[in-house]
mmCIF file of all heavy atoms, coordinates in Angstrom:
data_MODEL
# 
_entry.id   MODEL 
# 
loop_
_atom_site.group_PDB 
_atom_site.id 
_atom_site.type_symbol 
_atom_site.label_atom_id 
_atom_site.label_alt_id 
_atom_site.label_comp_id 
_atom_site.label_asym_id 
_atom_site.label_entity_id 
_atom_site.label_seq_id 
_atom_site.pdbx_PDB_ins_code 
_atom_site.Cartn_x 
_atom_site.Cartn_y 
_atom_site.Cartn_z 
_atom_site.occupancy 
_atom_site.B_iso_or_equiv 
_atom_site.pdbx_formal_charge 
_atom_site.auth_seq_id 
_atom_site.auth_comp_id 
_atom_site.auth_asym_id 
_atom_site.auth_atom_id 
_atom_site.pdbx_PDB_model_num 
ATOM 1   N N   . ALA A 1 1  ? 13.272 15.672 18.641  1.00 0.00 ? 1  ALA A N   1 
ATOM 2   C CA  . ALA A 1 1  ? 14.107 14.488 18.489  1.00 0.00 ? 1  ALA A CA  1 
ATOM 3   C C   . ALA A 1 1  ? 13.448 13.285 19.157  1.00 0.00 ? 1  ALA A C   1 
ATOM 4   O O   . ALA A 1 1  ? 12.915 13.389 20.259  1.00 0.00 ? 1  ALA A O   1 
ATOM 5   C CB  . ALA A 1 1  ? 15.485 14.731 19.087  1.00 0.00 ? 1  ALA A CB  1 
ATOM 6   N N   . GLY A 1 2  ? 13.482 12.150 18.456  1.00 0.00 ? 2  GLY A N   1 
ATOM 7   C CA  . GLY A 1 2  ? 12.851 10.942 18.941  1.00 0.00 ? 2  GLY A CA  1 
ATOM 8   C C   . GLY A 1 2  ? 11.438 10.745 18.432  1.00 0.00 ? 2  GLY A C   1 
ATOM 9   O O   . GLY A 1 2  ? 10.874 9.655  18.576  1.00 0.00 ? 2  GLY A O   1 
ATOM 10  N N   . GLY A 1 3  ? 10.867 11.765 17.805  1.00 0.00 ? 3  GLY A N   1 
ATOM 11  C CA  . GLY A 1 3  ? 9.521  11.688 17.280  1.00 0.00 ? 3  GLY A CA  1 
ATOM 12  C C   . GLY A 1 3  ? 9.461  11.042 15.910  1.00 0.00 ? 3  GLY A C   1 
ATOM 13  O O   . GLY A 1 3  ? 10.476 10.587 15.371  1.00 0.00 ? 3  GLY A O   1 
ATOM 14  N N   . SER A 1 4  ? 8.261  11.024 15.327  1.00 0.00 ? 4  SER A N   1 
ATOM 15  C CA  . SER A 1 4  ? 8.034  10.366 14.047  1.00 0.00 ? 4  SER A CA  1 
ATOM 16  C C   . SER A 1 4  ? 7.255  11.260 13.098  1.00 0.00 ? 4  SER A C   1 
ATOM 17  O O   . SER A 1 4  ? 6.458  12.095 13.518  1.00 0.00 ? 4  SER A O   1 
ATOM 18  C CB  . SER A 1 4  ? 7.253  9.065  14.242  1.00 0.00 ? 4  SER A CB  1 
ATOM 19  O OG  . SER A 1 4  ? 7.962  8.138  15.042  1.00 0.00 ? 4  SER A OG  1 
ATOM 20  N N   . LEU A 1 5  ? 7.486  11.058 11.803  1.00 0.00 ? 5  LEU A N   1 
ATOM 21  C CA  . LEU A 1 5  ? 6.725  11.695 10.744  1.00 0.00 ? 5  LEU A CA  1 
ATOM 22  C C   . LEU A 1 5  ? 6.552  10.692 9.616   1.00 0.00 ? 5  LEU A C   1 
ATOM 23  O O   . LEU A 1 5  ? 7.377  9.796  9.448   1.00 0.00 ? 5  LEU A O   1 
ATOM 24  C CB  . LEU A 1 5  ? 7.427  12.940 10.200  1.00 0.00 ? 5  LEU A CB  1 
ATOM 25  C CG  . LEU A 1 5  ? 7.435  14.198 11.060  1.00 0.00 ? 5  LEU A CG  1 
ATOM 26  C CD1 . LEU A 1 5  ? 8.344  15.245 10.426  1.00 0.00 ? 5  LEU A CD1 1 
ATOM 27  C CD2 . LEU A 1 5  ? 6.030  14.753 11.226  1.00 0.00 ? 5  LEU A CD2 1 
ATOM 28  N N   . ARG A 1 6  ? 5.500  10.863 8.833   1.00 0.00 ? 6  ARG A N   1 
ATOM 29  C CA  . ARG A 1 6  ? 5.252  10.013 7.675   1.00 0.00 ? 6  ARG A CA  1 
ATOM 30  C C   . ARG A 1 6  ? 5.071  10.900 6.445   1.00 0.00 ? 6  ARG A C   1 
ATOM 31  O O   . ARG A 1 6  ? 4.129  11.689 6.387   1.00 0.00 ? 6  ARG A O   1 
ATOM 32  C CB  . ARG A 1 6  ? 4.008  9.158  7.892   1.00 0.00 ? 6  ARG A CB  1 
ATOM 33  C CG  . ARG A 1 6  ? 3.655  8.229  6.720   1.00 0.00 ? 6  ARG A CG  1 
ATOM 34  C CD  . ARG A 1 6  ? 2.449  7.384  7.091   1.00 0.00 ? 6  ARG A CD  1 
ATOM 35  N NE  . ARG A 1 6  ? 1.857  6.671  5.966   1.00 0.00 ? 6  ARG A NE  1 
ATOM 36  C CZ  . ARG A 1 6  ? 2.231  5.471  5.558   1.00 0.00 ? 6  ARG A CZ  1 
ATOM 37  N NH1 . ARG A 1 6  ? 3.220  4.830  6.180   1.00 0.00 ? 6  ARG A NH1 1 
ATOM 38  N NH2 . ARG A 1 6  ? 1.618  4.889  4.534   1.00 0.00 ? 6  ARG A NH2 1 
ATOM 39  N N   . LEU A 1 7  ? 5.974  10.772 5.493   1.00 0.00 ? 7  LEU A N   1 
ATOM 40  C CA  . LEU A 1 7  ? 5.896  11.518 4.250   1.00 0.00 ? 7  LEU A CA  1 
ATOM 41  C C   . LEU A 1 7  ? 5.142  10.715 3.201   1.00 0.00 ? 7  LEU A C   1 
ATOM 42  O O   . LEU A 1 7  ? 5.259  9.487  3.137   1.00 0.00 ? 7  LEU A O   1 
ATOM 43  C CB  . LEU A 1 7  ? 7.291  11.838 3.713   1.00 0.00 ? 7  LEU A CB  1 
ATOM 44  C CG  . LEU A 1 7  ? 8.192  12.706 4.584   1.00 0.00 ? 7  LEU A CG  1 
ATOM 45  C CD1 . LEU A 1 7  ? 9.530  12.915 3.896   1.00 0.00 ? 7  LEU A CD1 1 
ATOM 46  C CD2 . LEU A 1 7  ? 7.536  14.042 4.890   1.00 0.00 ? 7  LEU A CD2 1 
ATOM 47  N N   . SER A 1 8  ? 4.378  11.409 2.368   1.00 0.00 ? 8  SER A N   1 
ATOM 48  C CA  . SER A 1 8  ? 3.661  10.784 1.273   1.00 0.00 ? 8  SER A CA  1 
ATOM 49  C C   . SER A 1 8  ? 3.993  11.496 -0.024  1.00 0.00 ? 8  SER A C   1 
ATOM 50  O O   . SER A 1 8  ? 4.289  12.687 -0.032  1.00 0.00 ? 8  SER A O   1 
ATOM 51  C CB  . SER A 1 8  ? 2.144  10.836 1.500   1.00 0.00 ? 8  SER A CB  1 
ATOM 52  O OG  . SER A 1 8  ? 1.773  10.128 2.664   1.00 0.00 ? 8  SER A OG  1 
ATOM 53  N N   . CYS A 1 9  ? 3.925  10.758 -1.126  1.00 0.00 ? 9  CYS A N   1 
ATOM 54  C CA  . CYS A 1 9  ? 4.155  11.309 -2.452  1.00 0.00 ? 9  CYS A CA  1 
ATOM 55  C C   . CYS A 1 9  ? 3.164  10.661 -3.397  1.00 0.00 ? 9  CYS A C   1 
ATOM 56  O O   . CYS A 1 9  ? 3.111  9.433  -3.488  1.00 0.00 ? 9  CYS A O   1 
ATOM 57  C CB  . CYS A 1 9  ? 5.588  11.042 -2.901  1.00 0.00 ? 9  CYS A CB  1 
ATOM 58  S SG  . CYS A 1 9  ? 5.930  11.463 -4.621  1.00 0.00 ? 9  CYS A SG  1 
ATOM 59  N N   . VAL A 1 10 ? 2.391  11.475 -4.096  1.00 0.00 ? 10 VAL A N   1 
ATOM 60  C CA  . VAL A 1 10 ? 1.417  10.976 -5.057  1.00 0.00 ? 10 VAL A CA  1 
ATOM 61  C C   . VAL A 1 10 ? 1.861  11.366 -6.462  1.00 0.00 ? 10 VAL A C   1 
ATOM 62  O O   . VAL A 1 10 ? 2.147  12.541 -6.715  1.00 0.00 ? 10 VAL A O   1 
ATOM 63  C CB  . VAL A 1 10 ? 0.009  11.522 -4.768  1.00 0.00 ? 10 VAL A CB  1 
ATOM 64  C CG1 . VAL A 1 10 ? -0.979 11.012 -5.815  1.00 0.00 ? 10 VAL A CG1 1 
ATOM 65  C CG2 . VAL A 1 10 ? -0.443 11.115 -3.375  1.00 0.00 ? 10 VAL A CG2 1 
ATOM 66  N N   . ALA A 1 11 ? 1.912  10.384 -7.352  1.00 0.00 ? 11 ALA A N   1 
ATOM 67  C CA  . ALA A 1 11 ? 2.322  10.608 -8.731  1.00 0.00 ? 11 ALA A CA  1 
ATOM 68  C C   . ALA A 1 11 ? 1.115  10.578 -9.661  1.00 0.00 ? 11 ALA A C   1 
ATOM 69  O O   . ALA A 1 11 ? 0.228  9.732  -9.519  1.00 0.00 ? 11 ALA A O   1 
ATOM 70  C CB  . ALA A 1 11 ? 3.332  9.556  -9.171  1.00 0.00 ? 11 ALA A CB  1 
ATOM 71  N N   . SER A 1 12 ? 1.079  11.491 -10.611 1.00 0.00 ? 12 SER A N   1 
ATOM 72  C CA  . SER A 1 12 ? 0.038  11.502 -11.632 1.00 0.00 ? 12 SER A CA  1 
ATOM 73  C C   . SER A 1 12 ? 0.691  11.546 -13.007 1.00 0.00 ? 12 SER A C   1 
ATOM 74  O O   . SER A 1 12 ? 1.832  11.983 -13.151 1.00 0.00 ? 12 SER A O   1 
ATOM 75  C CB  . SER A 1 12 ? -0.900 12.698 -11.446 1.00 0.00 ? 12 SER A CB  1 
ATOM 76  O OG  . SER A 1 12 ? -0.201 13.924 -11.563 1.00 0.00 ? 12 SER A OG  1 
ATOM 77  N N   . GLY A 1 13 ? -0.043 11.082 -14.021 1.00 0.00 ? 13 GLY A N   1 
ATOM 78  C CA  . GLY A 1 13 ? 0.500  11.040 -15.363 1.00 0.00 ? 13 GLY A CA  1 
ATOM 79  C C   . GLY A 1 13 ? 1.181  9.709  -15.644 1.00 0.00 ? 13 GLY A C   1 
ATOM 80  O O   . GLY A 1 13 ? 0.718  8.661  -15.225 1.00 0.00 ? 13 GLY A O   1 
ATOM 81  N N   . PHE A 1 14 ? 2.300  9.731  -16.364 1.00 0.00 ? 14 PHE A N   1 
ATOM 82  C CA  . PHE A 1 14 ? 3.020  8.533  -16.757 1.00 0.00 ? 14 PHE A CA  1 
ATOM 83  C C   . PHE A 1 14 ? 3.510  7.757  -15.538 1.00 0.00 ? 14 PHE A C   1 
ATOM 84  O O   . PHE A 1 14 ? 4.181  8.312  -14.670 1.00 0.00 ? 14 PHE A O   1 
ATOM 85  C CB  . PHE A 1 14 ? 4.206  8.908  -17.653 1.00 0.00 ? 14 PHE A CB  1 
ATOM 86  C CG  . PHE A 1 14 ? 4.836  7.735  -18.338 1.00 0.00 ? 14 PHE A CG  1 
ATOM 87  C CD1 . PHE A 1 14 ? 4.347  7.279  -19.543 1.00 0.00 ? 14 PHE A CD1 1 
ATOM 88  C CD2 . PHE A 1 14 ? 5.927  7.097  -17.783 1.00 0.00 ? 14 PHE A CD2 1 
ATOM 89  C CE1 . PHE A 1 14 ? 4.924  6.201  -20.191 1.00 0.00 ? 14 PHE A CE1 1 
ATOM 90  C CE2 . PHE A 1 14 ? 6.511  6.019  -18.413 1.00 0.00 ? 14 PHE A CE2 1 
ATOM 91  C CZ  . PHE A 1 14 ? 6.001  5.569  -19.618 1.00 0.00 ? 14 PHE A CZ  1 
ATOM 92  N N   . THR A 1 15 ? 3.190  6.467  -15.470 1.00 0.00 ? 15 THR A N   1 
ATOM 93  C CA  . THR A 1 15 ? 3.581  5.624  -14.338 1.00 0.00 ? 15 THR A CA  1 
ATOM 94  C C   . THR A 1 15 ? 5.032  5.184  -14.468 1.00 0.00 ? 15 THR A C   1 
ATOM 95  O O   . THR A 1 15 ? 5.459  4.720  -15.518 1.00 0.00 ? 15 THR A O   1 
ATOM 96  C CB  . THR A 1 15 ? 2.667  4.394  -14.247 1.00 0.00 ? 15 THR A CB  1 
ATOM 97  O OG1 . THR A 1 15 ? 1.314  4.813  -14.087 1.00 0.00 ? 15 THR A OG1 1 
ATOM 98  C CG2 . THR A 1 15 ? 3.067  3.527  -13.067 1.00 0.00 ? 15 THR A CG2 1 
ATOM 99  N N   . ARG A 1 16 ? 5.779  5.305  -13.377 1.00 0.00 ? 16 ARG A N   1 
ATOM 100 C CA  . ARG A 1 16 ? 7.181  4.896  -13.340 1.00 0.00 ? 16 ARG A CA  1 
ATOM 101 C C   . ARG A 1 16 ? 7.364  3.694  -12.428 1.00 0.00 ? 16 ARG A C   1 
ATOM 102 O O   . ARG A 1 16 ? 6.567  3.467  -11.506 1.00 0.00 ? 16 ARG A O   1 
ATOM 103 C CB  . ARG A 1 16 ? 8.055  6.059  -12.876 1.00 0.00 ? 16 ARG A CB  1 
ATOM 104 C CG  . ARG A 1 16 ? 7.989  7.273  -13.801 1.00 0.00 ? 16 ARG A CG  1 
ATOM 105 C CD  . ARG A 1 16 ? 8.659  6.966  -15.120 1.00 0.00 ? 16 ARG A CD  1 
ATOM 106 N NE  . ARG A 1 16 ? 8.445  8.014  -16.110 1.00 0.00 ? 16 ARG A NE  1 
ATOM 107 C CZ  . ARG A 1 16 ? 9.338  8.386  -17.018 1.00 0.00 ? 16 ARG A CZ  1 
ATOM 108 N NH1 . ARG A 1 16 ? 10.533 7.794  -17.047 1.00 0.00 ? 16 ARG A NH1 1 
ATOM 109 N NH2 . ARG A 1 16 ? 9.041  9.326  -17.890 1.00 0.00 ? 16 ARG A NH2 1 
ATOM 110 N N   . HIS A 1 17 ? 8.420  2.910  -12.657 1.00 0.00 ? 17 HIS A N   1 
ATOM 111 C CA  . HIS A 1 17 ? 8.639  1.653  -11.955 1.00 0.00 ? 17 HIS A CA  1 
ATOM 112 C C   . HIS A 1 17 ? 9.527  1.765  -10.729 1.00 0.00 ? 17 HIS A C   1 
ATOM 113 O O   . HIS A 1 17 ? 9.609  0.823  -9.945  1.00 0.00 ? 17 HIS A O   1 
ATOM 114 C CB  . HIS A 1 17 ? 9.226  0.622  -12.910 1.00 0.00 ? 17 HIS A CB  1 
ATOM 115 C CG  . HIS A 1 17 ? 8.368  0.339  -14.093 1.00 0.00 ? 17 HIS A CG  1 
ATOM 116 N ND1 . HIS A 1 17 ? 7.119  -0.239 -13.980 1.00 0.00 ? 17 HIS A ND1 1 
ATOM 117 C CD2 . HIS A 1 17 ? 8.558  0.565  -15.415 1.00 0.00 ? 17 HIS A CD2 1 
ATOM 118 C CE1 . HIS A 1 17 ? 6.590  -0.354 -15.183 1.00 0.00 ? 17 HIS A CE1 1 
ATOM 119 N NE2 . HIS A 1 17 ? 7.440  0.117  -16.071 1.00 0.00 ? 17 HIS A NE2 1 
ATOM 120 N N   . CYS A 1 18 ? 10.188 2.872  -10.570 1.00 0.00 ? 18 CYS A N   1 
ATOM 121 C CA  . CYS A 1 18 ? 11.068 3.082  -9.433  1.00 0.00 ? 18 CYS A CA  1 
ATOM 122 C C   . CYS A 1 18 ? 10.788 4.454  -8.830  1.00 0.00 ? 18 CYS A C   1 
ATOM 123 O O   . CYS A 1 18 ? 10.641 5.435  -9.551  1.00 0.00 ? 18 CYS A O   1 
ATOM 124 C CB  . CYS A 1 18 ? 12.534 2.981  -9.857  1.00 0.00 ? 18 CYS A CB  1 
ATOM 125 S SG  . CYS A 1 18 ? 13.718 3.107  -8.494  1.00 0.00 ? 18 CYS A SG  1 
ATOM 126 N N   . MET A 1 19 ? 10.730 4.524  -7.510  1.00 0.00 ? 19 MET A N   1 
ATOM 127 C CA  . MET A 1 19 ? 10.522 5.784  -6.820  1.00 0.00 ? 19 MET A CA  1 
ATOM 128 C C   . MET A 1 19 ? 11.449 5.854  -5.614  1.00 0.00 ? 19 MET A C   1 
ATOM 129 O O   . MET A 1 19 ? 11.895 4.831  -5.107  1.00 0.00 ? 19 MET A O   1 
ATOM 130 C CB  . MET A 1 19 ? 9.069  5.947  -6.370  1.00 0.00 ? 19 MET A CB  1 
ATOM 131 C CG  . MET A 1 19 ? 8.068  5.919  -7.518  1.00 0.00 ? 19 MET A CG  1 
ATOM 132 S SD  . MET A 1 19 ? 6.359  6.183  -6.989  1.00 0.00 ? 19 MET A SD  1 
ATOM 133 C CE  . MET A 1 19 ? 6.390  7.955  -6.674  1.00 0.00 ? 19 MET A CE  1 
ATOM 134 N N   . GLY A 1 20 ? 11.717 7.078  -5.169  1.00 0.00 ? 20 GLY A N   1 
ATOM 135 C CA  . GLY A 1 20 ? 12.615 7.223  -4.042  1.00 0.00 ? 20 GLY A CA  1 
ATOM 136 C C   . GLY A 1 20 ? 12.493 8.559  -3.349  1.00 0.00 ? 20 GLY A C   1 
ATOM 137 O O   . GLY A 1 20 ? 11.790 9.466  -3.807  1.00 0.00 ? 20 GLY A O   1 
ATOM 138 N N   . TRP A 1 21 ? 13.183 8.655  -2.218  1.00 0.00 ? 21 TRP A N   1 
ATOM 139 C CA  . TRP A 1 21 ? 13.250 9.874  -1.430  1.00 0.00 ? 21 TRP A CA  1 
ATOM 140 C C   . TRP A 1 21 ? 14.692 10.365 -1.353  1.00 0.00 ? 21 TRP A C   1 
ATOM 141 O O   . TRP A 1 21 ? 15.613 9.578  -1.110  1.00 0.00 ? 21 TRP A O   1 
ATOM 142 C CB  . TRP A 1 21 ? 12.731 9.648  -0.009  1.00 0.00 ? 21 TRP A CB  1 
ATOM 143 C CG  . TRP A 1 21 ? 11.261 9.373  0.064   1.00 0.00 ? 21 TRP A CG  1 
ATOM 144 C CD1 . TRP A 1 21 ? 10.651 8.168  0.155   1.00 0.00 ? 21 TRP A CD1 1 
ATOM 145 C CD2 . TRP A 1 21 ? 10.219 10.350 0.058   1.00 0.00 ? 21 TRP A CD2 1 
ATOM 146 N NE1 . TRP A 1 21 ? 9.290  8.317  0.209   1.00 0.00 ? 21 TRP A NE1 1 
ATOM 147 C CE2 . TRP A 1 21 ? 8.996  9.652  0.147   1.00 0.00 ? 21 TRP A CE2 1 
ATOM 148 C CE3 . TRP A 1 21 ? 10.195 11.743 -0.011  1.00 0.00 ? 21 TRP A CE3 1 
ATOM 149 C CZ2 . TRP A 1 21 ? 7.758  10.299 0.174   1.00 0.00 ? 21 TRP A CZ2 1 
ATOM 150 C CZ3 . TRP A 1 21 ? 8.970  12.391 0.002   1.00 0.00 ? 21 TRP A CZ3 1 
ATOM 151 C CH2 . TRP A 1 21 ? 7.773  11.666 0.093   1.00 0.00 ? 21 TRP A CH2 1 
ATOM 152 N N   . PHE A 1 22 ? 14.864 11.654 -1.550  1.00 0.00 ? 22 PHE A N   1 
ATOM 153 C CA  . PHE A 1 22 ? 16.147 12.318 -1.408  1.00 0.00 ? 22 PHE A CA  1 
ATOM 154 C C   . PHE A 1 22 ? 15.973 13.478 -0.442  1.00 0.00 ? 22 PHE A C   1 
ATOM 155 O O   . PHE A 1 22 ? 14.852 13.921 -0.189  1.00 0.00 ? 22 PHE A O   1 
ATOM 156 C CB  . PHE A 1 22 ? 16.654 12.840 -2.761  1.00 0.00 ? 22 PHE A CB  1 
ATOM 157 C CG  . PHE A 1 22 ? 17.048 11.764 -3.727  1.00 0.00 ? 22 PHE A CG  1 
ATOM 158 C CD1 . PHE A 1 22 ? 16.090 10.964 -4.325  1.00 0.00 ? 22 PHE A CD1 1 
ATOM 159 C CD2 . PHE A 1 22 ? 18.384 11.553 -4.040  1.00 0.00 ? 22 PHE A CD2 1 
ATOM 160 C CE1 . PHE A 1 22 ? 16.446 9.970  -5.219  1.00 0.00 ? 22 PHE A CE1 1 
ATOM 161 C CE2 . PHE A 1 22 ? 18.755 10.569 -4.936  1.00 0.00 ? 22 PHE A CE2 1 
ATOM 162 C CZ  . PHE A 1 22 ? 17.790 9.774  -5.523  1.00 0.00 ? 22 PHE A CZ  1 
ATOM 163 N N   . ARG A 1 23 ? 17.069 13.981 0.096   1.00 0.00 ? 23 ARG A N   1 
ATOM 164 C CA  . ARG A 1 23 ? 16.981 15.133 0.978   1.00 0.00 ? 23 ARG A CA  1 
ATOM 165 C C   . ARG A 1 23 ? 18.180 16.053 0.787   1.00 0.00 ? 23 ARG A C   1 
ATOM 166 O O   . ARG A 1 23 ? 19.253 15.623 0.373   1.00 0.00 ? 23 ARG A O   1 
ATOM 167 C CB  . ARG A 1 23 ? 16.886 14.700 2.448   1.00 0.00 ? 23 ARG A CB  1 
ATOM 168 C CG  . ARG A 1 23 ? 18.113 13.993 2.998   1.00 0.00 ? 23 ARG A CG  1 
ATOM 169 C CD  . ARG A 1 23 ? 17.840 13.472 4.406   1.00 0.00 ? 23 ARG A CD  1 
ATOM 170 N NE  . ARG A 1 23 ? 18.993 12.806 4.969   1.00 0.00 ? 23 ARG A NE  1 
ATOM 171 C CZ  . ARG A 1 23 ? 18.994 12.157 6.131   1.00 0.00 ? 23 ARG A CZ  1 
ATOM 172 N NH1 . ARG A 1 23 ? 17.876 12.096 6.852   1.00 0.00 ? 23 ARG A NH1 1 
ATOM 173 N NH2 . ARG A 1 23 ? 20.104 11.580 6.570   1.00 0.00 ? 23 ARG A NH2 1 
ATOM 174 N N   . ARG A 1 24 ? 17.953 17.339 1.074   1.00 0.00 ? 24 ARG A N   1 
ATOM 175 C CA  . ARG A 1 24 ? 19.013 18.317 1.015   1.00 0.00 ? 24 ARG A CA  1 
ATOM 176 C C   . ARG A 1 24 ? 18.923 19.209 2.253   1.00 0.00 ? 24 ARG A C   1 
ATOM 177 O O   . ARG A 1 24 ? 17.929 19.901 2.451   1.00 0.00 ? 24 ARG A O   1 
ATOM 178 C CB  . ARG A 1 24 ? 18.923 19.176 -0.247  1.00 0.00 ? 24 ARG A CB  1 
ATOM 179 C CG  . ARG A 1 24 ? 20.123 20.104 -0.419  1.00 0.00 ? 24 ARG A CG  1 
ATOM 180 C CD  . ARG A 1 24 ? 19.885 21.115 -1.516  1.00 0.00 ? 24 ARG A CD  1 
ATOM 181 N NE  . ARG A 1 24 ? 19.726 20.497 -2.828  1.00 0.00 ? 24 ARG A NE  1 
ATOM 182 C CZ  . ARG A 1 24 ? 20.725 20.172 -3.639  1.00 0.00 ? 24 ARG A CZ  1 
ATOM 183 N NH1 . ARG A 1 24 ? 21.988 20.396 -3.272  1.00 0.00 ? 24 ARG A NH1 1 
ATOM 184 N NH2 . ARG A 1 24 ? 20.473 19.634 -4.819  1.00 0.00 ? 24 ARG A NH2 1 
ATOM 185 N N   . ALA A 1 25 ? 19.959 19.167 3.079   1.00 0.00 ? 25 ALA A N   1 
ATOM 186 C CA  . ALA A 1 25 ? 20.047 20.015 4.257   1.00 0.00 ? 25 ALA A CA  1 
ATOM 187 C C   . ALA A 1 25 ? 20.750 21.316 3.886   1.00 0.00 ? 25 ALA A C   1 
ATOM 188 O O   . ALA A 1 25 ? 21.513 21.357 2.916   1.00 0.00 ? 25 ALA A O   1 
ATOM 189 C CB  . ALA A 1 25 ? 20.804 19.300 5.371   1.00 0.00 ? 25 ALA A CB  1 
ATOM 190 N N   . PRO A 1 26 ? 20.517 22.398 4.640   1.00 0.00 ? 26 PRO A N   1 
ATOM 191 C CA  . PRO A 1 26 ? 21.181 23.675 4.351   1.00 0.00 ? 26 PRO A CA  1 
ATOM 192 C C   . PRO A 1 26 ? 22.694 23.523 4.299   1.00 0.00 ? 26 PRO A C   1 
ATOM 193 O O   . PRO A 1 26 ? 23.301 22.963 5.217   1.00 0.00 ? 26 PRO A O   1 
ATOM 194 C CB  . PRO A 1 26 ? 20.750 24.566 5.512   1.00 0.00 ? 26 PRO A CB  1 
ATOM 195 C CG  . PRO A 1 26 ? 19.436 24.004 5.946   1.00 0.00 ? 26 PRO A CG  1 
ATOM 196 C CD  . PRO A 1 26 ? 19.588 22.517 5.780   1.00 0.00 ? 26 PRO A CD  1 
ATOM 197 N N   . GLY A 1 27 ? 23.304 24.000 3.230   1.00 0.00 ? 27 GLY A N   1 
ATOM 198 C CA  . GLY A 1 27 ? 24.743 23.926 3.076   1.00 0.00 ? 27 GLY A CA  1 
ATOM 199 C C   . GLY A 1 27 ? 25.283 22.557 2.726   1.00 0.00 ? 27 GLY A C   1 
ATOM 200 O O   . GLY A 1 27 ? 26.502 22.368 2.702   1.00 0.00 ? 27 GLY A O   1 
ATOM 201 N N   . LYS A 1 28 ? 24.415 21.603 2.437   1.00 0.00 ? 28 LYS A N   1 
ATOM 202 C CA  . LYS A 1 28 ? 24.823 20.235 2.126   1.00 0.00 ? 28 LYS A CA  1 
ATOM 203 C C   . LYS A 1 28 ? 24.417 19.846 0.704   1.00 0.00 ? 28 LYS A C   1 
ATOM 204 O O   . LYS A 1 28 ? 23.539 20.468 0.105   1.00 0.00 ? 28 LYS A O   1 
ATOM 205 C CB  . LYS A 1 28 ? 24.194 19.244 3.106   1.00 0.00 ? 28 LYS A CB  1 
ATOM 206 C CG  . LYS A 1 28 ? 24.513 19.488 4.569   1.00 0.00 ? 28 LYS A CG  1 
ATOM 207 C CD  . LYS A 1 28 ? 25.940 19.124 4.898   1.00 0.00 ? 28 LYS A CD  1 
ATOM 208 C CE  . LYS A 1 28 ? 26.189 19.224 6.391   1.00 0.00 ? 28 LYS A CE  1 
ATOM 209 N NZ  . LYS A 1 28 ? 27.582 18.831 6.737   1.00 0.00 ? 28 LYS A NZ  1 
# 
């Protein structure tokens, strides 16, 4: 807790104009 992380996502193929991050926690 209190630390940092940096997530990356690389897309290949057809280029899209909108991108985003979603998350799912256990039981949620």
